[in-house]
Amino acid sequence: MWTKHHRKRKFGRLVLPAITIAFVSYFGYHSIHGELGLIATDEFEKQRFLKAAELAKLTAERQDLERRVALMSDGSLDKDMLDEEARYQLNVSRPDEITIFNNYF
């Protein structure tokens, strides 16, 4: 009768814990430093706040432009606004007047 006797190895008991530690370490590292990790999420939030502020600024600028265009439309043509815009765009003034331009943008 044949029997096999195996010698107990210490290495065999460490294989599964070593693989588990490797997987947990890999996924743990990438959950913090990865492309979609915690640090990247903070950067996305900072960019979102900056873009929201830029959007608010551009929205206010657009509303100002829409208000100015409404003053120059056919239905309610404001002659002073038209004269001011023409002088600003053409850089024209009479010799006896002083013109001070405020940049709107």
Protein backbone atom coordinates (compact mmCIF):
# COMPACT_ATOMS: atom_id res chain seq x y z
CA MET A 1 0.00 0.00 0.00
CA TRP A 2 1.29 3.30 -1.07
CA THR A 3 0.96 6.36 1.14
CA LYS A 4 2.15 9.87 0.61
CA HIS A 5 3.63 11.83 3.38
CA HIS A 6 3.81 15.55 2.89
CA ARG A 7 6.01 17.80 4.79
CA LYS A 8 4.16 20.82 6.10
CA ARG A 9 5.43 24.03 4.53
CA LYS A 10 5.19 27.43 6.09
CA PHE A 11 5.16 29.14 2.67
CA GLY A 12 1.79 27.62 1.73
CA ARG A 13 0.05 29.25 4.66
CA LEU A 14 1.24 32.73 3.63
CA VAL A 15 0.17 32.70 -0.03
CA LEU A 16 -3.50 33.61 0.45
CA PRO A 17 -2.88 36.41 3.00
CA ALA A 18 -0.11 37.84 0.78
CA ILE A 19 -2.42 37.92 -2.27
CA THR A 20 -5.20 39.48 -0.17
CA ILE A 21 -2.88 42.18 1.14
CA ALA A 22 -1.69 42.90 -2.40
CA PHE A 23 -5.25 43.34 -3.73
CA VAL A 24 -6.36 45.48 -0.78
CA SER A 25 -3.25 47.65 -1.10
CA TYR A 26 -3.74 48.11 -4.84
CA PHE A 27 -7.39 49.10 -4.62
CA GLY A 28 -6.80 51.20 -1.50
CA TYR A 29 -4.07 53.20 -3.21
CA HIS A 30 -6.18 53.83 -6.31
CA SER A 31 -9.24 54.81 -4.28
CA ILE A 32 -7.23 57.72 -2.89
CA HIS A 33 -4.70 58.61 -5.61
CA GLY A 34 -6.40 57.20 -8.69
CA GLU A 35 -8.08 58.98 -11.59
CA LEU A 36 -11.43 58.97 -9.76
CA GLY A 37 -10.06 58.85 -6.22
CA LEU A 38 -10.53 61.19 -3.29
CA ILE A 39 -7.82 63.65 -4.33
CA ALA A 40 -9.17 63.89 -7.88
CA THR A 41 -12.68 64.46 -6.50
CA ASP A 42 -11.42 67.45 -4.50
CA GLU A 43 -9.81 68.88 -7.64
CA PHE A 44 -13.08 68.41 -9.56
CA GLU A 45 -14.96 70.29 -6.85
CA LYS A 46 -12.47 73.17 -6.96
CA GLN A 47 -12.84 73.38 -10.74
CA ARG A 48 -16.63 73.24 -10.40
CA PHE A 49 -16.64 76.22 -8.03
CA LEU A 50 -14.33 78.20 -10.35
CA LYS A 51 -16.50 77.41 -13.37
CA ALA A 52 -19.66 78.36 -11.45
CA ALA A 53 -18.12 81.75 -10.59
CA GLU A 54 -17.09 82.25 -14.21
CA LEU A 55 -20.60 81.33 -15.36
CA ALA A 56 -22.13 83.87 -12.98
CA LYS A 57 -19.78 86.57 -14.30
CA LEU A 58 -20.57 85.74 -17.93
CA THR A 59 -24.31 85.62 -17.21
CA ALA A 60 -24.18 89.10 -15.65
CA GLU A 61 -22.17 90.37 -18.62
CA ARG A 62 -24.68 88.88 -21.04
CA GLN A 63 -27.61 90.45 -19.19
CA ASP A 64 -25.86 93.83 -19.36
CA LEU A 65 -25.31 93.40 -23.11
CA GLU A 66 -28.94 92.37 -23.60
CA ARG A 67 -30.06 95.48 -21.69
CA ARG A 68 -27.87 97.69 -23.86
CA VAL A 69 -29.12 96.06 -27.05
CA ALA A 70 -32.70 96.55 -25.90
CA LEU A 71 -31.99 100.28 -25.53
CA MET A 72 -30.79 100.41 -29.14
CA SER A 73 -33.60 98.33 -30.66
CA ASP A 74 -36.16 99.86 -33.06
CA GLY A 75 -39.08 99.89 -30.63
CA SER A 76 -37.35 102.03 -28.01
CA LEU A 77 -34.37 103.70 -29.63
CA ASP A 78 -32.50 105.77 -27.06
CA LYS A 79 -30.63 108.43 -29.02
CA ASP A 80 -28.10 109.10 -26.26
CA MET A 81 -27.22 105.40 -26.06
CA LEU A 82 -26.90 105.19 -29.85
CA ASP A 83 -24.70 108.30 -29.95
CA GLU A 84 -22.51 107.01 -27.13
CA GLU A 85 -22.05 103.60 -28.76
CA ALA A 86 -21.29 105.13 -32.17
CA ARG A 87 -18.66 107.42 -30.69
CA TYR A 88 -17.10 104.55 -28.78
CA GLN A 89 -16.99 102.19 -31.76
CA LEU A 90 -15.78 104.79 -34.29
CA ASN A 91 -13.56 106.70 -31.87
CA VAL A 92 -15.04 110.01 -33.06
CA SER A 93 -15.69 113.21 -31.16
CA ARG A 94 -16.17 116.88 -31.97
CA PRO A 95 -13.22 119.24 -31.54
CA ASP A 96 -14.90 121.25 -28.77
CA GLU A 97 -15.72 118.34 -26.44
CA ILE A 98 -13.82 116.06 -24.10
CA THR A 99 -14.64 112.38 -24.37
CA ILE A 100 -13.94 109.94 -21.57
CA PHE A 101 -14.55 106.30 -22.46
CA ASN A 102 -15.35 103.79 -19.77
CA ASN A 103 -14.57 100.30 -20.90
CA TYR A 104 -17.68 98.20 -20.52
CA PHE A 105 -15.83 94.91 -20.80
